[in-house]
Amino acid sequence: MKNLIMQIAIAVVPIVFAYFGNAIVKNRQAVSLIQIIQPLAEAAVVAAEQLGVTEAVTGVAKKSKAVADVQAGLAKLGFTAVDEKTVANAVESAYASMKEFIESKYTKGA
């Protein structure tokens, strides 16, 4: 009986470690994404606002450009399967947190 329990334990241990190892890797990727996406979104928002001034690009087009820029930046860093809604939310968050700065720097006639 002890031998059977030992064989089962030996068979199950690698499966459990593989499962937890995979969960840890996914968690690290999520943490990395969170750390990377906000600075990319902020840079993309500033670039889109500059386009708004220099090329008269409007709100929806600026947001689309910022989202596309963030997705391209994430892809270059190996994050190819990021949900577009997640990226759009990061862009909106970046705009909201930088709104006062943006309005002071990137208004027409400034």
N, C-alpha and C. Protein backbone atom coordinates (compact mmCIF):
# COMPACT_ATOMS: atom_id res chain seq x y z
N MET A 1 0.82 -1.19 0.00
CA MET A 1 0.00 0.00 0.00
C MET A 1 0.87 1.26 0.00
N LYS A 2 1.93 1.26 0.84
CA LYS A 2 2.83 2.41 0.87
C LYS A 2 3.48 2.62 -0.48
N ASN A 3 3.84 1.52 -1.12
CA ASN A 3 4.48 1.59 -2.42
C ASN A 3 3.55 2.23 -3.46
N LEU A 4 2.29 1.89 -3.43
CA LEU A 4 1.31 2.45 -4.36
C LEU A 4 1.13 3.95 -4.12
N ILE A 5 1.03 4.35 -2.88
CA ILE A 5 0.89 5.78 -2.54
C ILE A 5 2.13 6.55 -2.99
N MET A 6 3.28 5.96 -2.81
CA MET A 6 4.53 6.60 -3.21
C MET A 6 4.58 6.76 -4.73
N GLN A 7 4.15 5.77 -5.48
CA GLN A 7 4.16 5.83 -6.93
C GLN A 7 3.18 6.90 -7.44
N ILE A 8 2.03 6.98 -6.79
CA ILE A 8 1.05 8.01 -7.17
C ILE A 8 1.61 9.39 -6.89
N ALA A 9 2.23 9.57 -5.72
CA ALA A 9 2.82 10.86 -5.36
C ALA A 9 3.91 11.25 -6.35
N ILE A 10 4.73 10.29 -6.71
CA ILE A 10 5.81 10.56 -7.66
C ILE A 10 5.25 10.94 -9.03
N ALA A 11 4.15 10.34 -9.42
CA ALA A 11 3.54 10.65 -10.71
C ALA A 11 2.84 12.01 -10.69
N VAL A 12 2.27 12.40 -9.56
CA VAL A 12 1.49 13.63 -9.46
C VAL A 12 2.37 14.87 -9.27
N VAL A 13 3.48 14.73 -8.59
CA VAL A 13 4.32 15.88 -8.26
C VAL A 13 4.75 16.66 -9.51
N PRO A 14 5.24 16.06 -10.58
CA PRO A 14 5.62 16.85 -11.76
C PRO A 14 4.43 17.59 -12.38
N ILE A 15 3.27 16.98 -12.35
CA ILE A 15 2.08 17.63 -12.91
C ILE A 15 1.73 18.87 -12.09
N VAL A 16 1.78 18.74 -10.79
CA VAL A 16 1.47 19.88 -9.90
C VAL A 16 2.50 20.99 -10.10
N PHE A 17 3.77 20.63 -10.15
CA PHE A 17 4.81 21.64 -10.36
C PHE A 17 4.66 22.32 -11.72
N ALA A 18 4.32 21.56 -12.74
CA ALA A 18 4.12 22.15 -14.07
C ALA A 18 2.96 23.14 -14.04
N TYR A 19 1.88 22.77 -13.36
CA TYR A 19 0.72 23.66 -13.27
C TYR A 19 1.08 24.97 -12.56
N PHE A 20 1.71 24.85 -11.39
CA PHE A 20 2.07 26.06 -10.64
C PHE A 20 3.14 26.87 -11.35
N GLY A 21 4.05 26.19 -12.01
CA GLY A 21 5.07 26.90 -12.79
C GLY A 21 4.44 27.72 -13.90
N ASN A 22 3.47 27.14 -14.58
CA ASN A 22 2.77 27.85 -15.65
C ASN A 22 1.99 29.04 -15.09
N ALA A 23 1.36 28.87 -13.94
CA ALA A 23 0.62 29.97 -13.31
C ALA A 23 1.55 31.10 -12.91
N ILE A 24 2.72 30.76 -12.41
CA ILE A 24 3.69 31.79 -12.02
C ILE A 24 4.18 32.55 -13.24
N VAL A 25 4.46 31.86 -14.33
CA VAL A 25 4.91 32.52 -15.56
C VAL A 25 3.83 33.47 -16.07
N LYS A 26 2.58 33.03 -16.09
CA LYS A 26 1.48 33.89 -16.55
C LYS A 26 1.35 35.11 -15.64
N ASN A 27 1.51 34.93 -14.34
CA ASN A 27 1.42 36.04 -13.40
C ASN A 27 2.54 37.04 -13.66
N ARG A 28 3.73 36.55 -13.90
CA ARG A 28 4.86 37.45 -14.20
C ARG A 28 4.61 38.22 -15.49
N GLN A 29 4.03 37.56 -16.48
CA GLN A 29 3.73 38.24 -17.73
C GLN A 29 2.69 39.33 -17.51
N ALA A 30 1.70 39.05 -16.68
CA ALA A 30 0.67 40.05 -16.39
C ALA A 30 1.27 41.24 -15.65
N VAL A 31 2.14 40.98 -14.70
CA VAL A 31 2.80 42.06 -13.97
C VAL A 31 3.67 42.87 -14.93
N SER A 32 4.39 42.21 -15.80
CA SER A 32 5.22 42.91 -16.79
C SER A 32 4.36 43.77 -17.70
N LEU A 33 3.24 43.24 -18.14
CA LEU A 33 2.34 44.00 -19.01
C LEU A 33 1.85 45.25 -18.30
N ILE A 34 1.46 45.10 -17.05
CA ILE A 34 0.97 46.25 -16.28
C ILE A 34 2.05 47.30 -16.15
N GLN A 35 3.29 46.88 -15.93
CA GLN A 35 4.39 47.82 -15.77
C GLN A 35 4.74 48.51 -17.09
N ILE A 36 4.53 47.85 -18.20
CA ILE A 36 4.93 48.37 -19.50
C ILE A 36 3.84 49.20 -20.16
N ILE A 37 2.59 48.81 -20.00
CA ILE A 37 1.52 49.41 -20.80
C ILE A 37 1.29 50.89 -20.48
N GLN A 38 1.39 51.28 -19.22
CA GLN A 38 1.09 52.68 -18.86
C GLN A 38 2.08 53.66 -19.48
N PRO A 39 3.39 53.44 -19.37
CA PRO A 39 4.32 54.37 -20.02
C PRO A 39 4.14 54.41 -21.54
N LEU A 40 3.86 53.26 -22.15
CA LEU A 40 3.60 53.24 -23.59
C LEU A 40 2.35 54.05 -23.93
N ALA A 41 1.31 53.89 -23.13
CA ALA A 41 0.06 54.62 -23.37
C ALA A 41 0.28 56.12 -23.22
N GLU A 42 1.04 56.53 -22.21
CA GLU A 42 1.30 57.95 -22.01
C GLU A 42 2.06 58.54 -23.20
N ALA A 43 3.07 57.83 -23.67
CA ALA A 43 3.84 58.31 -24.83
C ALA A 43 2.96 58.36 -26.08
N ALA A 44 2.10 57.37 -26.25
CA ALA A 44 1.22 57.34 -27.41
C ALA A 44 0.20 58.47 -27.37
N VAL A 45 -0.31 58.80 -26.18
CA VAL A 45 -1.27 59.90 -26.04
C VAL A 45 -0.60 61.22 -26.39
N VAL A 46 0.61 61.43 -25.90
CA VAL A 46 1.33 62.67 -26.22
C VAL A 46 1.58 62.77 -27.72
N ALA A 47 2.01 61.67 -28.34
CA ALA A 47 2.25 61.68 -29.78
C ALA A 47 0.97 61.97 -30.56
N ALA A 48 -0.13 61.38 -30.13
CA ALA A 48 -1.41 61.61 -30.80
C ALA A 48 -1.86 63.05 -30.63
N GLU A 49 -1.64 63.62 -29.46
CA GLU A 49 -2.00 65.02 -29.24
C GLU A 49 -1.16 65.94 -30.12
N GLN A 50 0.10 65.61 -30.29
CA GLN A 50 0.95 66.41 -31.18
C GLN A 50 0.41 66.35 -32.60
N LEU A 51 -0.04 65.17 -33.03
CA LEU A 51 -0.67 65.06 -34.35
C LEU A 51 -1.92 65.91 -34.44
N GLY A 52 -2.65 65.99 -33.36
CA GLY A 52 -3.85 66.81 -33.33
C GLY A 52 -3.55 68.26 -33.61
N VAL A 53 -2.40 68.73 -33.16
CA VAL A 53 -2.02 70.12 -33.38
C VAL A 53 -1.41 70.31 -34.76
N THR A 54 -0.50 69.42 -35.14
CA THR A 54 0.23 69.61 -36.41
C THR A 54 -0.56 69.19 -37.64
N GLU A 55 -1.45 68.21 -37.49
CA GLU A 55 -2.16 67.70 -38.67
C GLU A 55 -3.68 67.75 -38.51
N ALA A 56 -4.15 68.45 -37.50
CA ALA A 56 -5.59 68.63 -37.25
C ALA A 56 -6.34 67.30 -37.14
N VAL A 57 -5.73 66.34 -36.48
CA VAL A 57 -6.38 65.05 -36.23
C VAL A 57 -7.35 65.24 -35.06
N THR A 58 -8.55 64.67 -35.16
CA THR A 58 -9.56 64.86 -34.12
C THR A 58 -9.55 63.74 -33.08
N GLY A 59 -10.43 63.85 -32.09
CA GLY A 59 -10.48 62.97 -30.93
C GLY A 59 -10.47 61.48 -31.21
N VAL A 60 -11.42 61.00 -31.99
CA VAL A 60 -11.52 59.56 -32.25
C VAL A 60 -10.31 59.06 -33.01
N ALA A 61 -9.85 59.83 -33.96
CA ALA A 61 -8.67 59.44 -34.74
C ALA A 61 -7.42 59.44 -33.86
N LYS A 62 -7.33 60.41 -32.94
CA LYS A 62 -6.19 60.45 -32.02
C LYS A 62 -6.18 59.22 -31.12
N LYS A 63 -7.35 58.85 -30.61
CA LYS A 63 -7.43 57.67 -29.74
C LYS A 63 -7.06 56.42 -30.52
N SER A 64 -7.57 56.28 -31.74
CA SER A 64 -7.25 55.11 -32.57
C SER A 64 -5.75 55.03 -32.84
N LYS A 65 -5.14 56.17 -33.12
CA LYS A 65 -3.70 56.22 -33.37
C LYS A 65 -2.93 55.82 -32.12
N ALA A 66 -3.36 56.33 -30.96
CA ALA A 66 -2.68 56.00 -29.71
C ALA A 66 -2.80 54.51 -29.40
N VAL A 67 -3.99 53.95 -29.59
CA VAL A 67 -4.20 52.51 -29.35
C VAL A 67 -3.32 51.69 -30.29
N ALA A 68 -3.26 52.07 -31.56
CA ALA A 68 -2.43 51.34 -32.52
C ALA A 68 -0.95 51.44 -32.15
N ASP A 69 -0.52 52.61 -31.70
CA ASP A 69 0.88 52.78 -31.30
C ASP A 69 1.23 51.92 -30.09
N VAL A 70 0.32 51.86 -29.12
CA VAL A 70 0.56 51.03 -27.93
C VAL A 70 0.62 49.55 -28.33
N GLN A 71 -0.31 49.12 -29.17
CA GLN A 71 -0.30 47.72 -29.62
C GLN A 71 0.99 47.39 -30.35
N ALA A 72 1.46 48.31 -31.19
CA ALA A 72 2.72 48.08 -31.91
C ALA A 72 3.89 48.01 -30.94
N GLY A 73 3.91 48.89 -29.96
CA GLY A 73 4.97 48.86 -28.96
C GLY A 73 4.97 47.58 -28.14
N LEU A 74 3.78 47.14 -27.75
CA LEU A 74 3.67 45.88 -27.01
C LEU A 74 4.12 44.71 -27.86
N ALA A 75 3.76 44.70 -29.13
CA ALA A 75 4.16 43.61 -30.03
C ALA A 75 5.68 43.54 -30.15
N LYS A 76 6.33 44.71 -30.22
CA LYS A 76 7.79 44.73 -30.30
C LYS A 76 8.43 44.16 -29.04
N LEU A 77 7.72 44.25 -27.93
CA LEU A 77 8.23 43.72 -26.66
C LEU A 77 7.79 42.28 -26.40
N GLY A 78 7.07 41.69 -27.37
CA GLY A 78 6.68 40.29 -27.25
C GLY A 78 5.28 40.06 -26.73
N PHE A 79 4.53 41.11 -26.48
CA PHE A 79 3.14 40.98 -26.01
C PHE A 79 2.21 41.07 -27.22
N THR A 80 1.99 39.94 -27.87
CA THR A 80 1.22 39.95 -29.11
C THR A 80 -0.25 39.61 -28.92
N ALA A 81 -0.62 39.10 -27.75
CA ALA A 81 -2.00 38.67 -27.53
C ALA A 81 -2.70 39.54 -26.47
N VAL A 82 -2.52 40.85 -26.56
CA VAL A 82 -3.14 41.75 -25.60
C VAL A 82 -4.48 42.21 -26.17
N ASP A 83 -5.50 42.11 -25.35
CA ASP A 83 -6.85 42.50 -25.75
C ASP A 83 -6.89 43.99 -26.09
N GLU A 84 -7.55 44.34 -27.20
CA GLU A 84 -7.62 45.74 -27.64
C GLU A 84 -8.33 46.61 -26.60
N LYS A 85 -9.31 46.05 -25.91
CA LYS A 85 -10.03 46.81 -24.88
C LYS A 85 -9.08 47.17 -23.73
N THR A 86 -8.18 46.29 -23.39
CA THR A 86 -7.19 46.57 -22.35
C THR A 86 -6.30 47.73 -22.77
N VAL A 87 -5.88 47.72 -24.03
CA VAL A 87 -5.04 48.80 -24.55
C VAL A 87 -5.83 50.11 -24.58
N ALA A 88 -7.06 50.05 -25.06
CA ALA A 88 -7.91 51.26 -25.11
C ALA A 88 -8.12 51.83 -23.70
N ASN A 89 -8.32 50.96 -22.73
CA ASN A 89 -8.48 51.43 -21.35
C ASN A 89 -7.21 52.10 -20.84
N ALA A 90 -6.06 51.55 -21.19
CA ALA A 90 -4.79 52.15 -20.77
C ALA A 90 -4.61 53.52 -21.41
N VAL A 91 -5.00 53.66 -22.68
CA VAL A 91 -4.91 54.94 -23.37
C VAL A 91 -5.84 55.96 -22.72
N GLU A 92 -7.06 55.55 -22.42
CA GLU A 92 -8.01 56.45 -21.76
C GLU A 92 -7.51 56.86 -20.38
N SER A 93 -6.94 55.93 -19.65
CA SER A 93 -6.40 56.22 -18.34
C SER A 93 -5.23 57.21 -18.44
N ALA A 94 -4.37 56.99 -19.42
CA ALA A 94 -3.23 57.90 -19.62
C ALA A 94 -3.72 59.30 -19.97
N TYR A 95 -4.71 59.38 -20.83
CA TYR A 95 -5.26 60.69 -21.20
C TYR A 95 -5.86 61.38 -19.97
N ALA A 96 -6.62 60.66 -19.19
CA ALA A 96 -7.27 61.23 -18.01
C ALA A 96 -6.24 61.73 -17.00
N SER A 97 -5.17 60.96 -16.81
CA SER A 97 -4.17 61.36 -15.82
C SER A 97 -3.30 62.51 -16.32
N MET A 98 -3.25 62.71 -17.64
CA MET A 98 -2.41 63.76 -18.22
C MET A 98 -3.22 64.91 -18.82
N LYS A 99 -4.53 64.90 -18.62
CA LYS A 99 -5.41 65.85 -19.30
C LYS A 99 -5.00 67.31 -19.11
N GLU A 100 -4.71 67.69 -17.89
CA GLU A 100 -4.34 69.08 -17.61
C GLU A 100 -3.06 69.45 -18.36
N PHE A 101 -2.07 68.58 -18.31
CA PHE A 101 -0.81 68.81 -19.04
C PHE A 101 -1.06 68.91 -20.54
N ILE A 102 -1.84 67.98 -21.06
CA ILE A 102 -2.13 67.95 -22.50
C ILE A 102 -2.83 69.22 -22.94
N GLU A 103 -3.82 69.63 -22.20
CA GLU A 103 -4.56 70.84 -22.58
C GLU A 103 -3.70 72.08 -22.49
N SER A 104 -2.74 72.10 -21.59
CA SER A 104 -1.87 73.27 -21.49
C SER A 104 -0.80 73.31 -22.59
N LYS A 105 -0.41 72.14 -23.10
CA LYS A 105 0.68 72.08 -24.09
C LYS A 105 0.22 71.92 -25.53
N TYR A 106 -0.88 71.22 -25.74
CA TYR A 106 -1.24 70.84 -27.10
C TYR A 106 -2.61 71.40 -27.51
N THR A 107 -2.84 72.64 -27.27
CA THR A 107 -4.05 73.28 -27.77
C THR A 107 -3.71 74.02 -29.04
N LYS A 108 -4.67 74.17 -29.90
CA LYS A 108 -4.42 74.92 -31.14
C LYS A 108 -4.03 76.33 -30.78
N GLY A 109 -3.03 76.81 -31.41
CA GLY A 109 -2.55 78.15 -31.16
C GLY A 109 -1.51 78.22 -30.05
N ALA A 110 -1.21 77.06 -29.41
CA ALA A 110 -0.20 77.07 -28.35
C ALA A 110 1.17 76.93 -28.94
